[in-house]
Amino acid sequence: MKVPHRKIGTAGPDVSVLSLGSWHTYDRMRFTDAVAMMRYAVDSGINFFDVGYYGGLVVDGKRVPESFTDVLFGQIMRAAGVPRENYLLSAKLWVNNYQEQSLSEQLDELLLRVGTEYADFAVLGDIAGLQPDLPRLVEDLGDLIARGKLGSWGVNNWSCTDIRSAHEAAMAAGVTGPQLAQLKYSVVRRSIADGTPFGELTRDIGLTLEASDVLEGGMLAGNLDPERMIGKDPGGIRGGIAGAAERLAEIARSFDATPAQAAVAFCLTHPATSTVLFGASRQEQLTENIEAVRLAQQHGAELRAAVDELWLDREAVDPEGPRSAAALNQS
């Protein structure tokens, strides 16, 4: 089937409801297999690809190993014969070193590594505990858009208060504000995306959702001991995921689906979802996940009700999300 497209925010592009991420995926594949998979993805209607340079980042106190998945991505797309105008590049930009390293410098470095001149979208990294100068930040993003280096932008795991503050700063400056929030969202991790503050944001400013970490590093798909590095664990719920994965497999079978398909389909049922982000290191995984679109279309409401019991962070995570230092001072 062809993957349908939805609009990001009020000023973002139309993107495929499934998107592919690059963190520790392409560097675990044979190059020829990656080329074939990406050609298949584009031919199936997937047009949105999340790419970042992760070297030197610190996650849960551990330094992220040097990675070249962004470089590989550019080489893979060229080898697959996919013209640049036929896909949308979503670039990760980090705020923890801003303003020592400007957003323009970061973007230029990433574009050089990928081998392209512009990014269609940018997702700004976490700001929990930081105190970025939001008026200057949004003006810098507006300048990148004005220069044709960037199309529009969103944020990754920002609190709802910080997103609203960024939107207000952008409106005051007359530049494009945040269009999308990339949030950890899965059958077990729902408190922020399903919470009242985020719902109010989607209503008030037209913000949409990019669901990430939807398989919890593969654990919800049945890989309970993932070898690769996976993301943070807000609320400390990871110890309960093995039991949730077993129950998810039972629920998936009742829909004649796999656990991965059920997990992806669940995320597609959120009314604000523009796209569901996942990594695939085998074409079979991608083919499997594409079928989740049909599952969501045919049985979305039933599936959503069936997995409600698996919501592990219901009382463990503040629906407001992780606040910056400035937002903490407001609370």
C-alpha atoms as a PDB file:
ATOM      1  CA  MET A   1       0.000   0.000   0.000  1.00  0.00           C
ATOM      2  CA  LYS A   2       0.998   3.646  -0.446  1.00  0.00           C
ATOM      3  CA  VAL A   3       1.683   5.454   2.817  1.00  0.00           C
ATOM      4  CA  PRO A   4      -0.648   8.482   3.140  1.00  0.00           C
ATOM      5  CA  HIS A   5       0.545  11.993   3.990  1.00  0.00           C
ATOM      6  CA  ARG A   6      -0.528  14.543   6.600  1.00  0.00           C
ATOM      7  CA  LYS A   7       0.419  18.186   7.165  1.00  0.00           C
ATOM      8  CA  ILE A   8       2.786  19.266   9.927  1.00  0.00           C
ATOM      9  CA  GLY A   9       1.300  22.108  11.973  1.00  0.00           C
ATOM     10  CA  THR A  10      -0.092  25.113  10.127  1.00  0.00           C
ATOM     11  CA  ALA A  11       3.022  26.009   8.127  1.00  0.00           C
ATOM     12  CA  GLY A  12       4.921  22.738   7.783  1.00  0.00           C
ATOM     13  CA  PRO A  13       5.163  20.353   4.844  1.00  0.00           C
ATOM     14  CA  ASP A  14       2.935  17.407   3.982  1.00  0.00           C
ATOM     15  CA  VAL A  15       4.781  14.344   5.272  1.00  0.00           C
ATOM     16  CA  SER A  16       4.252  10.609   5.195  1.00  0.00           C
ATOM     17  CA  VAL A  17       2.502   9.265   8.294  1.00  0.00           C
ATOM     18  CA  LEU A  18       5.493   6.941   8.705  1.00  0.00           C
ATOM     19  CA  SER A  19       9.007   8.385   8.837  1.00  0.00           C
ATOM     20  CA  LEU A  20      12.422   6.799   9.180  1.00  0.00           C
ATOM     21  CA  GLY A  21      15.061   7.767  11.733  1.00  0.00           C
ATOM     22  CA  SER A  22      18.806   7.367  11.461  1.00  0.00           C
ATOM     23  CA  TRP A  23      20.109   6.828  14.998  1.00  0.00           C
ATOM     24  CA  HIS A  24      22.119   3.572  14.984  1.00  0.00           C
ATOM     25  CA  THR A  25      20.227   2.045  12.065  1.00  0.00           C
ATOM     26  CA  TYR A  26      22.133   2.432   8.807  1.00  0.00           C
ATOM     27  CA  ASP A  27      25.439   1.666  10.524  1.00  0.00           C
ATOM     28  CA  ARG A  28      24.029  -1.770  11.448  1.00  0.00           C
ATOM     29  CA  MET A  29      23.149  -2.683   7.851  1.00  0.00           C
ATOM     30  CA  ARG A  30      25.001  -3.823   4.759  1.00  0.00           C
ATOM     31  CA  PHE A  31      25.165  -0.797   2.491  1.00  0.00           C
ATOM     32  CA  THR A  32      23.439  -2.570  -0.398  1.00  0.00           C
ATOM     33  CA  ASP A  33      20.592  -3.654   1.895  1.00  0.00           C
ATOM     34  CA  ALA A  34      20.146  -0.078   3.114  1.00  0.00           C
ATOM     35  CA  VAL A  35      20.023   1.208  -0.465  1.00  0.00           C
ATOM     36  CA  ALA A  36      17.334  -1.328  -1.382  1.00  0.00           C
ATOM     37  CA  MET A  37      15.332  -0.512   1.759  1.00  0.00           C
ATOM     38  CA  MET A  38      15.365   3.238   1.170  1.00  0.00           C
ATOM     39  CA  ARG A  39      14.362   2.812  -2.459  1.00  0.00           C
ATOM     40  CA  TYR A  40      11.474   0.653  -1.251  1.00  0.00           C
ATOM     41  CA  ALA A  41      10.519   3.245   1.370  1.00  0.00           C
ATOM     42  CA  VAL A  42      10.326   6.077  -1.162  1.00  0.00           C
ATOM     43  CA  ASP A  43       8.441   3.927  -3.669  1.00  0.00           C
ATOM     44  CA  SER A  44       5.961   3.122  -0.869  1.00  0.00           C
ATOM     45  CA  GLY A  45       5.225   6.815  -0.276  1.00  0.00           C
ATOM     46  CA  ILE A  46       7.559   7.514   2.663  1.00  0.00           C
ATOM     47  CA  ASN A  47       9.058  10.963   2.141  1.00  0.00           C
ATOM     48  CA  PHE A  48      10.172  12.132   5.625  1.00  0.00           C
ATOM     49  CA  PHE A  49      13.592  11.178   7.018  1.00  0.00           C
ATOM     50  CA  ASP A  50      14.986  12.211  10.420  1.00  0.00           C
ATOM     51  CA  VAL A  51      18.762  12.718  10.322  1.00  0.00           C
ATOM     52  CA  GLY A  52      21.126  14.004  12.990  1.00  0.00           C
ATOM     53  CA  TYR A  53      24.771  14.127  14.000  1.00  0.00           C
ATOM     54  CA  TYR A  54      24.860  12.517  17.449  1.00  0.00           C
ATOM     55  CA  GLY A  55      28.572  12.356  18.241  1.00  0.00           C
ATOM     56  CA  GLY A  56      29.449  13.793  21.652  1.00  0.00           C
ATOM     57  CA  LEU A  57      25.915  13.931  23.051  1.00  0.00           C
ATOM     58  CA  VAL A  58      25.379  12.694  26.608  1.00  0.00           C
ATOM     59  CA  VAL A  59      22.278  10.557  27.352  1.00  0.00           C
ATOM     60  CA  ASP A  60      21.583   9.439  30.933  1.00  0.00           C
ATOM     61  CA  GLY A  61      25.164  10.308  31.853  1.00  0.00           C
ATOM     62  CA  LYS A  62      26.655   8.230  29.032  1.00  0.00           C
ATOM     63  CA  ARG A  63      28.460   9.778  26.097  1.00  0.00           C
ATOM     64  CA  VAL A  64      26.924   8.756  22.788  1.00  0.00           C
ATOM     65  CA  PRO A  65      29.531   7.004  20.607  1.00  0.00           C
ATOM     66  CA  GLU A  66      30.669   8.749  17.437  1.00  0.00           C
ATOM     67  CA  SER A  67      28.187   8.018  14.665  1.00  0.00           C
ATOM     68  CA  PHE A  68      28.240   8.358  10.890  1.00  0.00           C
ATOM     69  CA  THR A  69      24.634   7.465  10.156  1.00  0.00           C
ATOM     70  CA  ASP A  70      24.032  10.970   8.759  1.00  0.00           C
ATOM     71  CA  VAL A  71      26.896  10.542   6.290  1.00  0.00           C
ATOM     72  CA  LEU A  72      25.628   7.097   5.380  1.00  0.00           C
ATOM     73  CA  PHE A  73      22.112   8.436   4.829  1.00  0.00           C
ATOM     74  CA  GLY A  74      23.275  10.846   2.133  1.00  0.00           C
ATOM     75  CA  GLN A  75      25.307   8.147   0.386  1.00  0.00           C
ATOM     76  CA  ILE A  76      22.409   5.676   0.603  1.00  0.00           C
ATOM     77  CA  MET A  77      19.916   8.089  -0.974  1.00  0.00           C
ATOM     78  CA  ARG A  78      22.270   8.915  -3.811  1.00  0.00           C
ATOM     79  CA  ALA A  79      23.008   5.245  -4.457  1.00  0.00           C
ATOM     80  CA  ALA A  80      19.260   4.523  -4.386  1.00  0.00           C
ATOM     81  CA  GLY A  81      18.765   7.098  -7.124  1.00  0.00           C
ATOM     82  CA  VAL A  82      16.424   9.256  -5.034  1.00  0.00           C
ATOM     83  CA  PRO A  83      16.613  12.901  -6.185  1.00  0.00           C
ATOM     84  CA  ARG A  84      16.850  15.426  -3.357  1.00  0.00           C
ATOM     85  CA  GLU A  85      13.549  17.035  -4.358  1.00  0.00           C
ATOM     86  CA  ASN A  86      11.787  13.680  -3.873  1.00  0.00           C
ATOM     87  CA  TYR A  87      12.238  13.507  -0.095  1.00  0.00           C
ATOM     88  CA  LEU A  88      12.050  15.753   2.969  1.00  0.00           C
ATOM     89  CA  LEU A  89      15.012  15.993   5.331  1.00  0.00           C
ATOM     90  CA  SER A  90      14.321  16.569   9.031  1.00  0.00           C
ATOM     91  CA  ALA A  91      17.522  17.748  10.729  1.00  0.00           C
ATOM     92  CA  LYS A  92      18.261  17.431  14.440  1.00  0.00           C
ATOM     93  CA  LEU A  93      19.685  20.596  16.027  1.00  0.00           C
ATOM     94  CA  TRP A  94      20.914  20.714  19.623  1.00  0.00           C
ATOM     95  CA  VAL A  95      20.252  23.517  22.104  1.00  0.00           C
ATOM     96  CA  ASN A  96      22.597  22.469  24.934  1.00  0.00           C
ATOM     97  CA  ASN A  97      25.596  24.200  23.278  1.00  0.00           C
ATOM     98  CA  TYR A  98      23.617  27.149  21.931  1.00  0.00           C
ATOM     99  CA  GLN A  99      24.916  29.939  21.653  1.00  0.00           C
ATOM    100  CA  GLU A 100      28.528  28.699  21.755  1.00  0.00           C
ATOM    101  CA  GLN A 101      27.721  26.873  18.539  1.00  0.00           C
ATOM    102  CA  SER A 102      25.101  28.664  16.484  1.00  0.00           C
ATOM    103  CA  LEU A 103      22.187  26.870  14.867  1.00  0.00           C
ATOM    104  CA  SER A 104      23.550  27.964  11.493  1.00  0.00           C
ATOM    105  CA  GLU A 105      26.938  26.336  12.194  1.00  0.00           C
ATOM    106  CA  GLN A 106      25.263  23.120  13.354  1.00  0.00           C
ATOM    107  CA  LEU A 107      23.013  22.970  10.330  1.00  0.00           C
ATOM    108  CA  ASP A 108      25.870  23.691   7.922  1.00  0.00           C
ATOM    109  CA  GLU A 109      27.911  20.863   9.461  1.00  0.00           C
ATOM    110  CA  LEU A 110      25.042  18.409   9.168  1.00  0.00           C
ATOM    111  CA  LEU A 111      24.208  19.443   5.601  1.00  0.00           C
ATOM    112  CA  LEU A 112      27.863  19.013   4.641  1.00  0.00           C
ATOM    113  CA  ARG A 113      27.893  15.517   6.138  1.00  0.00           C
ATOM    114  CA  VAL A 114      24.668  14.553   4.366  1.00  0.00           C
ATOM    115  CA  GLY A 115      25.695  16.245   1.127  1.00  0.00           C
ATOM    116  CA  THR A 116      22.805  18.649   0.562  1.00  0.00           C
ATOM    117  CA  GLU A 117      22.155  22.384   0.634  1.00  0.00           C
ATOM    118  CA  TYR A 118      19.054  22.665   2.809  1.00  0.00           C
ATOM    119  CA  ALA A 119      16.811  20.950   5.349  1.00  0.00           C
ATOM    120  CA  ASP A 120      13.053  20.896   4.924  1.00  0.00           C
ATOM    121  CA  PHE A 121      12.491  20.727   8.671  1.00  0.00           C
ATOM    122  CA  ALA A 122      14.470  20.917  11.899  1.00  0.00           C
ATOM    123  CA  VAL A 123      13.756  19.383  15.291  1.00  0.00           C
ATOM    124  CA  LEU A 124      15.414  21.133  18.234  1.00  0.00           C
ATOM    125  CA  GLY A 125      16.745  18.872  20.982  1.00  0.00           C
ATOM    126  CA  ASP A 126      15.795  18.729  24.666  1.00  0.00           C
ATOM    127  CA  ILE A 127      15.998  21.875  26.807  1.00  0.00           C
ATOM    128  CA  ALA A 128      15.090  20.350  30.189  1.00  0.00           C
ATOM    129  CA  GLY A 129      16.979  22.257  32.882  1.00  0.00           C
ATOM    130  CA  LEU A 130      18.491  24.696  30.355  1.00  0.00           C
ATOM    131  CA  GLN A 131      17.695  28.388  29.966  1.00  0.00           C
ATOM    132  CA  PRO A 132      17.902  29.214  26.254  1.00  0.00           C
ATOM    133  CA  ASP A 133      17.235  32.730  25.005  1.00  0.00           C
ATOM    134  CA  LEU A 134      13.975  31.885  23.225  1.00  0.00           C
ATOM    135  CA  PRO A 135      13.530  35.264  21.458  1.00  0.00           C
ATOM    136  CA  ARG A 136      17.025  34.967  19.976  1.00  0.00           C
ATOM    137  CA  LEU A 137      16.529  31.265  19.216  1.00  0.00           C
ATOM    138  CA  VAL A 138      13.355  31.799  17.188  1.00  0.00           C
ATOM    139  CA  GLU A 139      14.893  34.768  15.370  1.00  0.00           C
ATOM    140  CA  ASP A 140      17.892  32.601  14.406  1.00  0.00           C
ATOM    141  CA  LEU A 141      15.511  29.955  13.089  1.00  0.00           C
ATOM    142  CA  GLY A 142      13.591  32.629  11.191  1.00  0.00           C
ATOM    143  CA  ASP A 143      16.848  33.764   9.603  1.00  0.00           C
ATOM    144  CA  LEU A 144      17.632  30.206   8.446  1.00  0.00           C
ATOM    145  CA  ILE A 145      14.160  30.008   6.891  1.00  0.00           C
ATOM    146  CA  ALA A 146      14.572  33.400   5.201  1.00  0.00           C
ATOM    147  CA  ARG A 147      17.923  32.283   3.728  1.00  0.00           C
ATOM    148  CA  GLY A 148      16.408  29.121   2.270  1.00  0.00           C
ATOM    149  CA  LYS A 149      18.467  26.800   4.485  1.00  0.00           C
ATOM    150  CA  LEU A 150      15.417  25.562   6.396  1.00  0.00           C
ATOM    151  CA  GLY A 151      11.716  25.114   5.740  1.00  0.00           C
ATOM    152  CA  SER A 152      10.122  25.063   9.213  1.00  0.00           C
ATOM    153  CA  TRP A 153      10.840  23.632  12.659  1.00  0.00           C
ATOM    154  CA  GLY A 154       9.633  21.785  15.730  1.00  0.00           C
ATOM    155  CA  VAL A 155      10.937  20.562  19.069  1.00  0.00           C
ATOM    156  CA  ASN A 156      11.900  17.321  20.792  1.00  0.00           C
ATOM    157  CA  ASN A 157      10.510  16.565  24.274  1.00  0.00           C
ATOM    158  CA  TRP A 158      10.018  20.204  25.316  1.00  0.00           C
ATOM    159  CA  SER A 159       7.498  21.016  28.013  1.00  0.00           C
ATOM    160  CA  CYS A 160       4.172  22.446  26.916  1.00  0.00           C
ATOM    161  CA  THR A 161       5.019  25.706  28.707  1.00  0.00           C
ATOM    162  CA  ASP A 162       8.284  26.029  26.772  1.00  0.00           C
ATOM    163  CA  ILE A 163       6.569  25.296  23.452  1.00  0.00           C
ATOM    164  CA  ARG A 164       3.961  27.961  24.133  1.00  0.00           C
ATOM    165  CA  SER A 165       6.693  30.444  25.128  1.00  0.00           C
ATOM    166  CA  ALA A 166       8.573  29.732  21.878  1.00  0.00           C
ATOM    167  CA  HIS A 167       5.359  30.234  19.893  1.00  0.00           C
ATOM    168  CA  GLU A 168       4.720  33.581  21.609  1.00  0.00           C
ATOM    169  CA  ALA A 169       8.318  34.709  21.004  1.00  0.00           C
ATOM    170  CA  ALA A 170       8.015  33.792  17.332  1.00  0.00           C
ATOM    171  CA  MET A 171       4.726  35.650  16.954  1.00  0.00           C
ATOM    172  CA  ALA A 172       6.290  38.726  18.563  1.00  0.00           C
ATOM    173  CA  ALA A 173       9.247  38.528  16.152  1.00  0.00           C
ATOM    174  CA  GLY A 174       7.066  37.901  13.095  1.00  0.00           C
ATOM    175  CA  VAL A 175       8.733  34.571  12.269  1.00  0.00           C
ATOM    176  CA  THR A 176       7.549  30.989  11.965  1.00  0.00           C
ATOM    177  CA  GLY A 177       6.956  29.301  15.321  1.00  0.00           C
ATOM    178  CA  PRO A 178       7.125  25.636  16.347  1.00  0.00           C
ATOM    179  CA  GLN A 179       4.961  23.435  14.140  1.00  0.00           C
ATOM    180  CA  LEU A 180       5.492  20.006  15.674  1.00  0.00           C
ATOM    181  CA  ALA A 181       6.471  18.306  18.918  1.00  0.00           C
ATOM    182  CA  GLN A 182       8.474  15.102  18.694  1.00  0.00           C
ATOM    183  CA  LEU A 183       7.435  13.244  21.843  1.00  0.00           C
ATOM    184  CA  LYS A 184       8.130   9.824  23.293  1.00  0.00           C
ATOM    185  CA  TYR A 185       4.808   8.130  22.628  1.00  0.00           C
ATOM    186  CA  SER A 186       3.873   4.468  22.763  1.00  0.00           C
ATOM    187  CA  VAL A 187       1.310   2.093  24.224  1.00  0.00           C
ATOM    188  CA  VAL A 188       3.230   2.294  27.524  1.00  0.00           C
ATOM    189  CA  ARG A 189       4.367   5.955  27.492  1.00  0.00           C
ATOM    190  CA  ARG A 190       1.419   8.288  26.973  1.00  0.00           C
ATOM    191  CA  SER A 191       1.182  10.882  29.747  1.00  0.00           C
ATOM    192  CA  ILE A 192       2.447  13.902  27.798  1.00  0.00           C
ATOM    193  CA  ALA A 193       0.965  13.364  24.324  1.00  0.00           C
ATOM    194  CA  ASP A 194      -2.392  12.289  25.784  1.00  0.00           C
ATOM    195  CA  GLY A 195      -2.343  14.962  28.496  1.00  0.00           C
ATOM    196  CA  THR A 196      -4.475  18.089  28.781  1.00  0.00           C
ATOM    197  CA  PRO A 197      -1.603  20.638  28.322  1.00  0.00           C
ATOM    198  CA  PHE A 198      -0.569  19.122  24.977  1.00  0.00           C
ATOM    199  CA  GLY A 199      -4.172  18.890  23.841  1.00  0.00           C
ATOM    200  CA  GLU A 200      -4.575  22.596  24.538  1.00  0.00           C
ATOM    201  CA  LEU A 201      -1.458  23.359  22.467  1.00  0.00           C
ATOM    202  CA  THR A 202      -2.743  21.427  19.472  1.00  0.00           C
ATOM    203  CA  ARG A 203      -6.020  23.365  19.713  1.00  0.00           C
ATOM    204  CA  ASP A 204      -4.540  26.806  20.336  1.00  0.00           C
ATOM    205  CA  ILE A 205      -1.591  26.958  17.928  1.00  0.00           C
ATOM    206  CA  GLY A 206      -2.162  24.042  15.539  1.00  0.00           C
ATOM    207  CA  LEU A 207       0.832  22.055  16.814  1.00  0.00           C
ATOM    208  CA  THR A 208       1.006  18.446  15.612  1.00  0.00           C
ATOM    209  CA  LEU A 209       2.744  15.327  16.926  1.00  0.00           C
ATOM    210  CA  GLU A 210       5.668  13.238  15.758  1.00  0.00           C
ATOM    211  CA  ALA A 211       5.556  10.033  17.798  1.00  0.00           C
ATOM    212  CA  SER A 212       9.026   8.710  18.611  1.00  0.00           C
ATOM    213  CA  ASP A 213      10.418   5.791  20.630  1.00  0.00           C
ATOM    214  CA  VAL A 214       7.229   3.982  19.621  1.00  0.00           C
ATOM    215  CA  LEU A 215       8.779   0.506  20.024  1.00  0.00           C
ATOM    216  CA  GLU A 216      10.869   1.380  23.094  1.00  0.00           C
ATOM    217  CA  GLY A 217      14.099   0.434  21.360  1.00  0.00           C
ATOM    218  CA  GLY A 218      12.536  -2.759  19.991  1.00  0.00           C
ATOM    219  CA  MET A 219      11.316  -4.026  23.364  1.00  0.00           C
ATOM    220  CA  LEU A 220       7.641  -3.715  22.424  1.00  0.00           C
ATOM    221  CA  ALA A 221       8.379  -5.702  19.262  1.00  0.00           C
ATOM    222  CA  GLY A 222       9.731  -8.570  21.377  1.00  0.00           C
ATOM    223  CA  ASN A 223      13.445  -7.711  21.605  1.00  0.00           C
ATOM    224  CA  LEU A 224      13.644  -7.471  25.396  1.00  0.00           C
ATOM    225  CA  ASP A 225      17.427  -7.123  25.521  1.00  0.00           C
ATOM    226  CA  PRO A 226      18.326  -4.564  22.834  1.00  0.00           C
ATOM    227  CA  GLU A 227      22.034  -4.330  22.072  1.00  0.00           C
ATOM    228  CA  ARG A 228      21.947  -0.791  20.716  1.00  0.00           C
ATOM    229  CA  MET A 229      21.757   2.320  22.880  1.00  0.00           C
ATOM    230  CA  ILE A 230      18.173   3.465  23.456  1.00  0.00           C
ATOM    231  CA  GLY A 231      16.728   6.721  24.759  1.00  0.00           C
ATOM    232  CA  LYS A 232      15.942   8.054  28.210  1.00  0.00           C
ATOM    233  CA  ASP A 233      13.365   6.434  30.512  1.00  0.00           C
ATOM    234  CA  PRO A 234      11.160   9.202  31.985  1.00  0.00           C
ATOM    235  CA  GLY A 235       9.212   7.909  34.962  1.00  0.00           C
ATOM    236  CA  GLY A 236      11.443   4.828  35.311  1.00  0.00           C
ATOM    237  CA  ILE A 237       8.928   2.486  33.667  1.00  0.00           C
ATOM    238  CA  ARG A 238      11.310   0.379  31.617  1.00  0.00           C
ATOM    239  CA  GLY A 239      11.282  -2.438  34.165  1.00  0.00           C
ATOM    240  CA  GLY A 240       7.615  -3.035  33.419  1.00  0.00           C
ATOM    241  CA  ILE A 241       7.919  -3.110  29.645  1.00  0.00           C
ATOM    242  CA  ALA A 242       8.664  -6.845  29.393  1.00  0.00           C
ATOM    243  CA  GLY A 243       5.267  -7.664  30.884  1.00  0.00           C
ATOM    244  CA  ALA A 244       3.578  -5.049  28.714  1.00  0.00           C
ATOM    245  CA  ALA A 245       5.264  -6.467  25.614  1.00  0.00           C
ATOM    246  CA  GLU A 246       3.915  -9.939  26.394  1.00  0.00           C
ATOM    247  CA  ARG A 247       0.387  -8.569  26.756  1.00  0.00           C
ATOM    248  CA  LEU A 248       0.774  -6.435  23.611  1.00  0.00           C
ATOM    249  CA  ALA A 249       1.672  -9.581  21.654  1.00  0.00           C
ATOM    250  CA  GLU A 250      -1.569 -11.206  22.823  1.00  0.00           C
ATOM    251  CA  ILE A 251      -3.601  -8.146  21.839  1.00  0.00           C
ATOM    252  CA  ALA A 252      -1.880  -7.949  18.452  1.00  0.00           C
ATOM    253  CA  ARG A 253      -2.718 -11.589  17.710  1.00  0.00           C
ATOM    254  CA  SER A 254      -6.395 -10.832  18.304  1.00  0.00           C
ATOM    255  CA  PHE A 255      -6.157  -8.356  15.412  1.00  0.00           C
ATOM    256  CA  ASP A 256      -4.121 -10.790  13.270  1.00  0.00           C
ATOM    257  CA  ALA A 257      -1.176  -8.401  13.590  1.00  0.00           C
ATOM    258  CA  THR A 258       2.349  -8.348  14.977  1.00  0.00           C
ATOM    259  CA  PRO A 259       3.287  -6.446  18.160  1.00  0.00           C
ATOM    260  CA  ALA A 260       5.226  -3.895  16.100  1.00  0.00           C
ATOM    261  CA  GLN A 261       2.219  -3.274  13.874  1.00  0.00           C
ATOM    262  CA  ALA A 262      -0.042  -2.829  16.889  1.00  0.00           C
ATOM    263  CA  ALA A 263       2.428  -0.406  18.508  1.00  0.00           C
ATOM    264  CA  VAL A 264       2.782   1.723  15.366  1.00  0.00           C
ATOM    265  CA  ALA A 265      -0.960   1.639  14.605  1.00  0.00           C
ATOM    266  CA  PHE A 266      -1.733   2.855  18.136  1.00  0.00           C
ATOM    267  CA  CYS A 267       0.403   5.965  17.587  1.00  0.00           C
ATOM    268  CA  LEU A 268      -1.316   6.668  14.277  1.00  0.00           C
ATOM    269  CA  THR A 269      -4.662   6.923  16.081  1.00  0.00           C
ATOM    270  CA  HIS A 270      -3.683  10.025  18.060  1.00  0.00           C
ATOM    271  CA  PRO A 271      -5.711  12.891  16.542  1.00  0.00           C
ATOM    272  CA  ALA A 272      -2.689  15.221  16.395  1.00  0.00           C
ATOM    273  CA  THR A 273      -0.265  12.740  14.790  1.00  0.00           C
ATOM    274  CA  SER A 274       1.422  13.958  11.625  1.00  0.00           C
ATOM    275  CA  THR A 275       3.964  11.150  11.509  1.00  0.00           C
ATOM    276  CA  VAL A 276       5.256   8.136  13.455  1.00  0.00           C
ATOM    277  CA  LEU A 277       9.054   7.899  13.577  1.00  0.00           C
ATOM    278  CA  PHE A 278      10.887   4.586  13.835  1.00  0.00           C
ATOM    279  CA  GLY A 279      14.148   2.998  12.805  1.00  0.00           C
ATOM    280  CA  ALA A 280      14.385  -0.021  10.528  1.00  0.00           C
ATOM    281  CA  SER A 281      17.539  -2.017   9.920  1.00  0.00           C
ATOM    282  CA  ARG A 282      15.872  -4.629   7.683  1.00  0.00           C
ATOM    283  CA  GLN A 283      13.457  -4.157   4.810  1.00  0.00           C
ATOM    284  CA  GLU A 284      11.205  -6.786   6.398  1.00  0.00           C
ATOM    285  CA  GLN A 285      10.722  -4.489   9.409  1.00  0.00           C
ATOM    286  CA  LEU A 286       9.744  -1.624   7.138  1.00  0.00           C
ATOM    287  CA  THR A 287       7.271  -3.768   5.188  1.00  0.00           C
ATOM    288  CA  GLU A 288       5.753  -4.961   8.454  1.00  0.00           C
ATOM    289  CA  ASN A 289       5.349  -1.438   9.812  1.00  0.00           C
ATOM    290  CA  ILE A 290       3.782  -0.119   6.609  1.00  0.00           C
ATOM    291  CA  GLU A 291       0.954  -2.605   7.159  1.00  0.00           C
ATOM    292  CA  ALA A 292       0.279  -0.861  10.484  1.00  0.00           C
ATOM    293  CA  VAL A 293      -1.332   1.955   8.491  1.00  0.00           C
ATOM    294  CA  ARG A 294      -4.063  -0.394   7.319  1.00  0.00           C
ATOM    295  CA  LEU A 295      -4.522  -1.743  10.877  1.00  0.00           C
ATOM    296  CA  ALA A 296      -5.012   1.812  12.198  1.00  0.00           C
ATOM    297  CA  GLN A 297      -7.474   2.633   9.434  1.00  0.00           C
ATOM    298  CA  GLN A 298      -9.580  -0.487   9.972  1.00  0.00           C
ATOM    299  CA  HIS A 299      -9.360  -1.106  13.727  1.00  0.00           C
ATOM    300  CA  GLY A 300      -7.850   2.031  15.294  1.00  0.00           C
ATOM    301  CA  ALA A 301     -10.535   2.714  17.911  1.00  0.00           C
ATOM    302  CA  GLU A 302     -10.755  -0.951  18.972  1.00  0.00           C
ATOM    303  CA  LEU A 303      -6.986  -1.242  19.232  1.00  0.00           C
ATOM    304  CA  ARG A 304      -6.693   1.957  21.244  1.00  0.00           C
ATOM    305  CA  ALA A 305      -9.231   0.664  23.747  1.00  0.00           C
ATOM    306  CA  ALA A 306      -7.573  -2.749  23.952  1.00  0.00           C
ATOM    307  CA  VAL A 307      -4.118  -1.387  24.894  1.00  0.00           C
ATOM    308  CA  ASP A 308      -5.330   1.128  27.496  1.00  0.00           C
ATOM    309  CA  GLU A 309      -4.295  -1.262  30.281  1.00  0.00           C
ATOM    310  CA  LEU A 310      -0.662  -0.997  29.118  1.00  0.00           C
ATOM    311  CA  TRP A 311      -0.315   2.719  29.937  1.00  0.00           C
ATOM    312  CA  LEU A 312       2.614   2.454  32.381  1.00  0.00           C
ATOM    313  CA  ASP A 313       3.543   6.117  32.923  1.00  0.00           C
ATOM    314  CA  ARG A 314      -0.022   7.249  33.729  1.00  0.00           C
ATOM    315  CA  GLU A 315       0.925   8.479  37.222  1.00  0.00           C
ATOM    316  CA  ALA A 316       4.695   8.520  36.807  1.00  0.00           C
ATOM    317  CA  VAL A 317       5.220  11.440  34.388  1.00  0.00           C
ATOM    318  CA  ASP A 318       3.976  15.021  34.586  1.00  0.00           C
ATOM    319  CA  PRO A 319       1.766  15.711  31.513  1.00  0.00           C
ATOM    320  CA  GLU A 320       3.381  19.145  31.273  1.00  0.00           C
ATOM    321  CA  GLY A 321       6.654  17.525  30.174  1.00  0.00           C
ATOM    322  CA  PRO A 322      10.277  18.213  31.133  1.00  0.00           C
ATOM    323  CA  ARG A 323      10.656  21.942  31.779  1.00  0.00           C
ATOM    324  CA  SER A 324      13.520  24.282  31.008  1.00  0.00           C
ATOM    325  CA  ALA A 325      14.989  26.305  33.873  1.00  0.00           C
ATOM    326  CA  ALA A 326      12.914  29.284  32.741  1.00  0.00           C
ATOM    327  CA  ALA A 327       9.697  27.237  32.779  1.00  0.00           C
ATOM    328  CA  LEU A 328      10.553  25.848  36.209  1.00  0.00           C
ATOM    329  CA  ASN A 329      10.846  29.406  37.500  1.00  0.00           C
ATOM    330  CA  GLN A 330       7.352  30.131  36.162  1.00  0.00           C
ATOM    331  CA  SER A 331       5.784  27.106  37.898  1.00  0.00           C
END
